[in-house]
């Protein structure tokens, strides 16, 4: 993981927003980039950039999940770390044009559903066309 990916995630955590809201927004942004890349398959650079961004986000999540300060239940942390490892592997395949970008999008959507801000209806899960 690039240290830049983790530093962006950590700096987002330092603001006053609920961490779940920050994580939701970050996943919404990267999922939108993946959807755009899927809709434009001839643009290899866009696909690689979106996949790498997704990988960096998940690597930052993994680093946070493995921290002793993380307060999620251990079994949930372990499951999310496993997902992050799958994302890492699948991202390399997506970058090569062999991976399943739809699966990466679906994973993000499923996690977003668990993080969805309860207090506002203003943010929506990115949809496909």
N, C-alpha and C. Protein backbone atom coordinates (compact mmCIF):
# COMPACT_ATOMS: atom_id res chain seq x y z
N UNK A 1 0.85 -1.18 0.00
CA UNK A 1 0.00 0.00 0.00
C UNK A 1 0.88 1.23 0.00
N UNK A 2 0.47 2.22 -0.69
CA UNK A 2 1.21 3.47 -0.67
C UNK A 2 0.93 4.17 0.64
N UNK A 3 1.95 4.80 1.18
CA UNK A 3 1.74 5.55 2.42
C UNK A 3 0.80 6.71 2.19
N UNK A 4 0.73 7.20 0.95
CA UNK A 4 -0.19 8.30 0.64
C UNK A 4 -1.63 7.87 0.83
N UNK A 5 -1.97 6.64 0.43
CA UNK A 5 -3.33 6.14 0.59
C UNK A 5 -3.75 6.10 2.04
N UNK A 6 -2.85 5.62 2.90
CA UNK A 6 -3.17 5.55 4.32
C UNK A 6 -3.22 6.94 4.94
N UNK A 7 -2.33 7.83 4.54
CA UNK A 7 -2.32 9.17 5.14
C UNK A 7 -3.59 9.95 4.77
N UNK A 8 -4.11 9.75 3.56
CA UNK A 8 -5.36 10.40 3.19
C UNK A 8 -6.49 9.88 4.05
N UNK A 9 -6.54 8.57 4.24
CA UNK A 9 -7.58 7.96 5.06
C UNK A 9 -7.46 8.44 6.51
N UNK A 10 -6.25 8.45 7.05
CA UNK A 10 -6.05 8.89 8.43
C UNK A 10 -6.40 10.36 8.60
N UNK A 11 -6.05 11.20 7.63
CA UNK A 11 -6.38 12.62 7.76
C UNK A 11 -7.88 12.83 7.70
N UNK A 12 -8.57 12.01 6.92
CA UNK A 12 -10.03 12.10 6.87
C UNK A 12 -10.63 11.71 8.22
N UNK A 13 -9.97 10.81 8.93
CA UNK A 13 -10.46 10.37 10.22
C UNK A 13 -10.29 11.44 11.30
N UNK A 14 -9.42 12.39 11.09
CA UNK A 14 -9.17 13.39 12.12
C UNK A 14 -10.22 14.49 12.16
N UNK A 15 -11.06 14.56 11.13
CA UNK A 15 -12.09 15.58 11.17
C UNK A 15 -13.19 15.16 12.14
N UNK A 16 -14.20 15.98 12.29
CA UNK A 16 -15.24 15.76 13.29
C UNK A 16 -16.34 14.81 12.83
N UNK A 17 -16.30 14.38 11.57
CA UNK A 17 -17.32 13.49 11.05
C UNK A 17 -17.23 12.12 11.71
N UNK A 18 -18.36 11.45 11.74
CA UNK A 18 -18.41 10.07 12.23
C UNK A 18 -17.53 9.22 11.32
N UNK A 19 -16.67 8.38 11.87
CA UNK A 19 -15.78 7.56 11.03
C UNK A 19 -16.54 6.70 10.03
N UNK A 20 -17.71 6.21 10.39
CA UNK A 20 -18.51 5.41 9.45
C UNK A 20 -18.93 6.24 8.26
N UNK A 21 -19.28 7.51 8.50
CA UNK A 21 -19.66 8.40 7.40
C UNK A 21 -18.47 8.66 6.48
N UNK A 22 -17.30 8.84 7.06
CA UNK A 22 -16.08 9.08 6.27
C UNK A 22 -15.78 7.86 5.41
N UNK A 23 -15.86 6.68 6.02
CA UNK A 23 -15.58 5.45 5.29
C UNK A 23 -16.61 5.23 4.18
N UNK A 24 -17.87 5.53 4.47
CA UNK A 24 -18.94 5.41 3.48
C UNK A 24 -18.66 6.32 2.29
N UNK A 25 -18.35 7.58 2.57
CA UNK A 25 -18.10 8.54 1.48
C UNK A 25 -16.89 8.12 0.65
N UNK A 26 -15.85 7.65 1.32
CA UNK A 26 -14.65 7.22 0.61
C UNK A 26 -14.96 6.03 -0.29
N UNK A 27 -15.70 5.05 0.22
CA UNK A 27 -16.08 3.91 -0.61
C UNK A 27 -17.00 4.33 -1.75
N UNK A 28 -17.89 5.28 -1.49
CA UNK A 28 -18.78 5.77 -2.56
C UNK A 28 -17.96 6.41 -3.68
N UNK A 29 -16.96 7.18 -3.32
CA UNK A 29 -16.13 7.84 -4.33
C UNK A 29 -15.34 6.82 -5.15
N UNK A 30 -14.71 5.88 -4.48
CA UNK A 30 -13.89 4.90 -5.21
C UNK A 30 -14.78 3.95 -6.01
N UNK A 31 -15.96 3.63 -5.50
CA UNK A 31 -16.87 2.77 -6.24
C UNK A 31 -17.36 3.47 -7.50
N UNK A 32 -17.63 4.75 -7.40
CA UNK A 32 -18.02 5.53 -8.58
C UNK A 32 -16.91 5.50 -9.63
N UNK A 33 -15.67 5.59 -9.19
CA UNK A 33 -14.54 5.54 -10.13
C UNK A 33 -14.46 4.16 -10.79
N UNK A 34 -14.71 3.10 -10.03
CA UNK A 34 -14.71 1.75 -10.60
C UNK A 34 -15.83 1.59 -11.62
N UNK A 35 -17.01 2.11 -11.30
CA UNK A 35 -18.14 2.03 -12.23
C UNK A 35 -17.82 2.77 -13.52
N UNK A 36 -17.25 3.96 -13.39
CA UNK A 36 -16.88 4.74 -14.58
C UNK A 36 -15.85 3.98 -15.42
N UNK A 37 -14.89 3.35 -14.75
CA UNK A 37 -13.88 2.58 -15.47
C UNK A 37 -14.51 1.37 -16.18
N UNK A 38 -15.47 0.74 -15.53
CA UNK A 38 -16.14 -0.41 -16.14
C UNK A 38 -16.93 0.02 -17.38
N UNK A 39 -17.52 1.21 -17.32
CA UNK A 39 -18.32 1.70 -18.43
C UNK A 39 -17.47 2.17 -19.60
N UNK A 40 -16.18 2.31 -19.38
CA UNK A 40 -15.26 2.81 -20.40
C UNK A 40 -14.09 1.83 -20.53
N UNK A 41 -14.35 0.58 -20.91
CA UNK A 41 -13.34 -0.48 -20.85
C UNK A 41 -12.10 -0.24 -21.72
N UNK A 42 -12.22 0.57 -22.75
CA UNK A 42 -11.05 0.83 -23.60
C UNK A 42 -10.04 1.77 -22.94
N UNK A 43 -10.44 2.44 -21.88
CA UNK A 43 -9.54 3.37 -21.19
C UNK A 43 -8.77 2.61 -20.10
N UNK A 44 -7.65 2.03 -20.48
CA UNK A 44 -6.85 1.22 -19.56
C UNK A 44 -6.34 2.06 -18.40
N UNK A 45 -5.91 3.27 -18.68
CA UNK A 45 -5.38 4.13 -17.62
C UNK A 45 -6.45 4.39 -16.55
N UNK A 46 -7.66 4.66 -16.97
CA UNK A 46 -8.74 4.91 -16.01
C UNK A 46 -9.01 3.67 -15.16
N UNK A 47 -9.02 2.49 -15.80
CA UNK A 47 -9.25 1.24 -15.06
C UNK A 47 -8.15 1.00 -14.03
N UNK A 48 -6.91 1.20 -14.44
CA UNK A 48 -5.78 0.97 -13.54
C UNK A 48 -5.82 1.96 -12.37
N UNK A 49 -6.10 3.22 -12.67
CA UNK A 49 -6.15 4.22 -11.59
C UNK A 49 -7.27 3.93 -10.61
N UNK A 50 -8.45 3.58 -11.11
CA UNK A 50 -9.58 3.28 -10.22
C UNK A 50 -9.29 2.04 -9.39
N UNK A 51 -8.74 1.01 -10.02
CA UNK A 51 -8.42 -0.23 -9.29
C UNK A 51 -7.35 0.02 -8.24
N UNK A 52 -6.34 0.79 -8.59
CA UNK A 52 -5.28 1.09 -7.62
C UNK A 52 -5.83 1.90 -6.45
N UNK A 53 -6.68 2.86 -6.73
CA UNK A 53 -7.30 3.65 -5.66
C UNK A 53 -8.10 2.74 -4.73
N UNK A 54 -8.88 1.84 -5.32
CA UNK A 54 -9.66 0.89 -4.52
C UNK A 54 -8.74 0.04 -3.64
N UNK A 55 -7.65 -0.41 -4.23
CA UNK A 55 -6.67 -1.22 -3.49
C UNK A 55 -6.07 -0.41 -2.34
N UNK A 56 -5.73 0.84 -2.60
CA UNK A 56 -5.16 1.69 -1.55
C UNK A 56 -6.15 1.92 -0.41
N UNK A 57 -7.41 2.14 -0.76
CA UNK A 57 -8.45 2.33 0.27
C UNK A 57 -8.54 1.09 1.14
N UNK A 58 -8.62 -0.07 0.50
CA UNK A 58 -8.74 -1.31 1.27
C UNK A 58 -7.47 -1.63 2.06
N UNK A 59 -6.32 -1.26 1.56
CA UNK A 59 -5.08 -1.45 2.31
C UNK A 59 -5.08 -0.56 3.56
N UNK A 60 -5.60 0.65 3.42
CA UNK A 60 -5.72 1.54 4.59
C UNK A 60 -6.71 0.97 5.60
N UNK A 61 -7.83 0.45 5.11
CA UNK A 61 -8.79 -0.20 6.00
C UNK A 61 -8.12 -1.36 6.74
N UNK A 62 -7.37 -2.19 5.99
CA UNK A 62 -6.69 -3.34 6.59
C UNK A 62 -5.72 -2.90 7.68
N UNK A 63 -4.96 -1.86 7.41
CA UNK A 63 -4.02 -1.37 8.40
C UNK A 63 -4.76 -0.91 9.65
N UNK A 64 -5.88 -0.22 9.46
CA UNK A 64 -6.68 0.23 10.60
C UNK A 64 -7.29 -0.96 11.34
N UNK A 65 -7.78 -1.94 10.60
CA UNK A 65 -8.39 -3.12 11.21
C UNK A 65 -7.39 -3.92 12.04
N UNK A 66 -6.14 -3.89 11.66
CA UNK A 66 -5.11 -4.65 12.36
C UNK A 66 -4.53 -3.90 13.55
N UNK A 67 -4.94 -2.66 13.71
CA UNK A 67 -4.45 -1.84 14.82
C UNK A 67 -5.05 -2.32 16.14
N UNK A 68 -4.25 -2.27 17.18
CA UNK A 68 -4.73 -2.62 18.52
C UNK A 68 -5.81 -1.66 18.99
N UNK A 69 -5.85 -0.48 18.42
CA UNK A 69 -6.84 0.53 18.82
C UNK A 69 -8.21 0.33 18.15
N UNK A 70 -8.30 -0.56 17.17
CA UNK A 70 -9.56 -0.78 16.49
C UNK A 70 -10.54 -1.46 17.44
N UNK A 71 -11.74 -0.90 17.55
CA UNK A 71 -12.70 -1.38 18.53
C UNK A 71 -13.79 -2.29 17.96
N UNK A 72 -13.69 -2.65 16.69
CA UNK A 72 -14.65 -3.59 16.13
C UNK A 72 -14.44 -4.97 16.76
N UNK A 73 -15.50 -5.79 16.79
CA UNK A 73 -15.34 -7.16 17.30
C UNK A 73 -14.30 -7.92 16.48
N UNK A 74 -13.55 -8.77 17.14
CA UNK A 74 -12.44 -9.48 16.50
C UNK A 74 -12.89 -10.28 15.28
N UNK A 75 -14.04 -10.96 15.36
CA UNK A 75 -14.48 -11.77 14.22
C UNK A 75 -14.83 -10.90 13.00
N UNK A 76 -15.41 -9.74 13.25
CA UNK A 76 -15.71 -8.81 12.15
C UNK A 76 -14.42 -8.26 11.55
N UNK A 77 -13.48 -7.92 12.42
CA UNK A 77 -12.18 -7.44 11.93
C UNK A 77 -11.52 -8.49 11.04
N UNK A 78 -11.54 -9.73 11.49
CA UNK A 78 -10.91 -10.81 10.71
C UNK A 78 -11.60 -10.97 9.35
N UNK A 79 -12.91 -10.90 9.33
CA UNK A 79 -13.65 -11.02 8.07
C UNK A 79 -13.30 -9.88 7.12
N UNK A 80 -13.24 -8.67 7.65
CA UNK A 80 -12.92 -7.51 6.81
C UNK A 80 -11.47 -7.56 6.32
N UNK A 81 -10.56 -8.06 7.14
CA UNK A 81 -9.17 -8.22 6.69
C UNK A 81 -9.13 -9.23 5.54
N UNK A 82 -9.88 -10.32 5.66
CA UNK A 82 -9.93 -11.31 4.58
C UNK A 82 -10.45 -10.69 3.29
N UNK A 83 -11.49 -9.87 3.40
CA UNK A 83 -12.01 -9.18 2.22
C UNK A 83 -10.94 -8.27 1.63
N UNK A 84 -10.23 -7.56 2.49
CA UNK A 84 -9.20 -6.64 1.98
C UNK A 84 -8.09 -7.39 1.25
N UNK A 85 -7.78 -8.59 1.71
CA UNK A 85 -6.76 -9.39 1.03
C UNK A 85 -7.27 -9.86 -0.34
N UNK A 86 -8.56 -10.22 -0.42
CA UNK A 86 -9.15 -10.58 -1.71
C UNK A 86 -9.09 -9.38 -2.65
N UNK A 87 -9.48 -8.20 -2.14
CA UNK A 87 -9.46 -6.98 -2.96
C UNK A 87 -8.05 -6.74 -3.49
N UNK A 88 -7.05 -6.92 -2.65
CA UNK A 88 -5.67 -6.71 -3.06
C UNK A 88 -5.31 -7.63 -4.23
N UNK A 89 -5.64 -8.90 -4.10
CA UNK A 89 -5.34 -9.87 -5.16
C UNK A 89 -6.15 -9.58 -6.43
N UNK A 90 -7.44 -9.33 -6.27
CA UNK A 90 -8.30 -9.10 -7.43
C UNK A 90 -7.93 -7.81 -8.15
N UNK A 91 -7.45 -6.82 -7.41
CA UNK A 91 -7.06 -5.55 -8.03
C UNK A 91 -5.96 -5.76 -9.06
N UNK A 92 -5.00 -6.60 -8.72
CA UNK A 92 -3.92 -6.86 -9.68
C UNK A 92 -4.49 -7.46 -10.96
N UNK A 93 -5.46 -8.36 -10.83
CA UNK A 93 -6.09 -8.95 -12.01
C UNK A 93 -6.90 -7.91 -12.78
N UNK A 94 -7.59 -7.02 -12.06
CA UNK A 94 -8.36 -5.96 -12.73
C UNK A 94 -7.43 -5.04 -13.51
N UNK A 95 -6.30 -4.72 -12.92
CA UNK A 95 -5.33 -3.86 -13.60
C UNK A 95 -4.84 -4.50 -14.91
N UNK A 96 -4.73 -5.82 -14.90
CA UNK A 96 -4.29 -6.55 -16.09
C UNK A 96 -5.42 -6.82 -17.08
N UNK A 97 -6.65 -6.42 -16.71
CA UNK A 97 -7.78 -6.64 -17.58
C UNK A 97 -8.39 -8.03 -17.43
N UNK A 98 -7.93 -8.81 -16.45
CA UNK A 98 -8.42 -10.17 -16.26
C UNK A 98 -9.40 -10.27 -15.09
N UNK A 99 -9.40 -9.28 -14.22
CA UNK A 99 -10.18 -9.36 -12.99
C UNK A 99 -11.64 -9.03 -13.16
N UNK A 100 -12.36 -9.23 -12.08
CA UNK A 100 -13.80 -9.02 -12.07
C UNK A 100 -14.12 -7.69 -11.39
N UNK A 101 -14.20 -6.64 -12.19
CA UNK A 101 -14.46 -5.31 -11.64
C UNK A 101 -15.86 -5.26 -11.02
N UNK A 102 -16.81 -6.04 -11.57
CA UNK A 102 -18.15 -6.08 -10.99
C UNK A 102 -18.12 -6.62 -9.57
N UNK A 103 -17.29 -7.63 -9.32
CA UNK A 103 -17.18 -8.19 -7.97
C UNK A 103 -16.60 -7.15 -7.01
N UNK A 104 -15.61 -6.39 -7.46
CA UNK A 104 -15.03 -5.35 -6.60
C UNK A 104 -16.08 -4.28 -6.28
N UNK A 105 -16.86 -3.91 -7.27
CA UNK A 105 -17.94 -2.93 -7.06
C UNK A 105 -18.95 -3.48 -6.07
N UNK A 106 -19.33 -4.74 -6.23
CA UNK A 106 -20.32 -5.35 -5.34
C UNK A 106 -19.81 -5.46 -3.90
N UNK A 107 -18.55 -5.81 -3.73
CA UNK A 107 -17.97 -5.85 -2.38
C UNK A 107 -18.09 -4.47 -1.74
N UNK A 108 -17.70 -3.43 -2.46
CA UNK A 108 -17.78 -2.08 -1.91
C UNK A 108 -19.21 -1.72 -1.56
N UNK A 109 -20.14 -2.04 -2.43
CA UNK A 109 -21.55 -1.74 -2.15
C UNK A 109 -22.05 -2.45 -0.91
N UNK A 110 -21.66 -3.70 -0.75
CA UNK A 110 -22.08 -4.45 0.44
C UNK A 110 -21.53 -3.82 1.71
N UNK A 111 -20.29 -3.41 1.69
CA UNK A 111 -19.70 -2.77 2.86
C UNK A 111 -20.38 -1.42 3.10
N UNK A 112 -20.65 -0.69 2.01
CA UNK A 112 -21.34 0.60 2.15
C UNK A 112 -22.72 0.42 2.78
N UNK A 113 -23.40 -0.65 2.44
CA UNK A 113 -24.73 -0.90 3.01
C UNK A 113 -24.62 -1.05 4.53
N UNK A 114 -23.54 -1.65 5.00
CA UNK A 114 -23.33 -1.78 6.44
C UNK A 114 -22.90 -0.48 7.11
N UNK A 115 -22.33 0.42 6.33
CA UNK A 115 -21.85 1.70 6.87
C UNK A 115 -22.85 2.83 6.67
N UNK A 116 -23.88 2.60 5.85
CA UNK A 116 -24.77 3.66 5.40
C UNK A 116 -25.17 4.59 6.54
N UNK A 117 -24.96 5.88 6.32
CA UNK A 117 -25.33 6.85 7.35
C UNK A 117 -26.83 6.75 7.64
N UNK A 118 -27.14 6.55 8.89
CA UNK A 118 -28.54 6.37 9.28
C UNK A 118 -29.29 7.69 9.35
N UNK A 119 -28.57 8.77 9.62
CA UNK A 119 -29.23 10.04 9.88
C UNK A 119 -29.58 10.83 8.64
N UNK A 120 -28.98 10.50 7.49
CA UNK A 120 -29.28 11.31 6.31
C UNK A 120 -29.53 10.43 5.11
N UNK A 121 -30.41 10.88 4.27
CA UNK A 121 -30.69 10.17 3.04
C UNK A 121 -29.98 10.80 1.87
N UNK A 122 -29.06 11.72 2.14
CA UNK A 122 -28.45 12.48 1.05
C UNK A 122 -27.42 11.69 0.27
N UNK A 123 -26.77 10.71 0.86
CA UNK A 123 -25.75 9.95 0.15
C UNK A 123 -26.37 8.64 -0.30
N UNK A 124 -26.12 8.27 -1.52
CA UNK A 124 -26.67 7.05 -2.07
C UNK A 124 -25.56 6.14 -2.54
N UNK A 125 -25.83 4.84 -2.50
CA UNK A 125 -24.89 3.88 -3.03
C UNK A 125 -24.80 4.08 -4.53
N UNK A 126 -23.59 4.17 -5.07
CA UNK A 126 -23.46 4.35 -6.52
C UNK A 126 -24.16 3.22 -7.26
N UNK A 127 -24.90 3.57 -8.29
CA UNK A 127 -25.64 2.60 -9.09
C UNK A 127 -24.99 2.45 -10.45
N UNK A 128 -25.24 1.31 -11.05
CA UNK A 128 -24.76 1.11 -12.40
C UNK A 128 -25.78 1.67 -13.37
N UNK A 129 -25.33 1.91 -14.57
CA UNK A 129 -26.23 2.42 -15.60
C UNK A 129 -27.02 1.30 -16.21
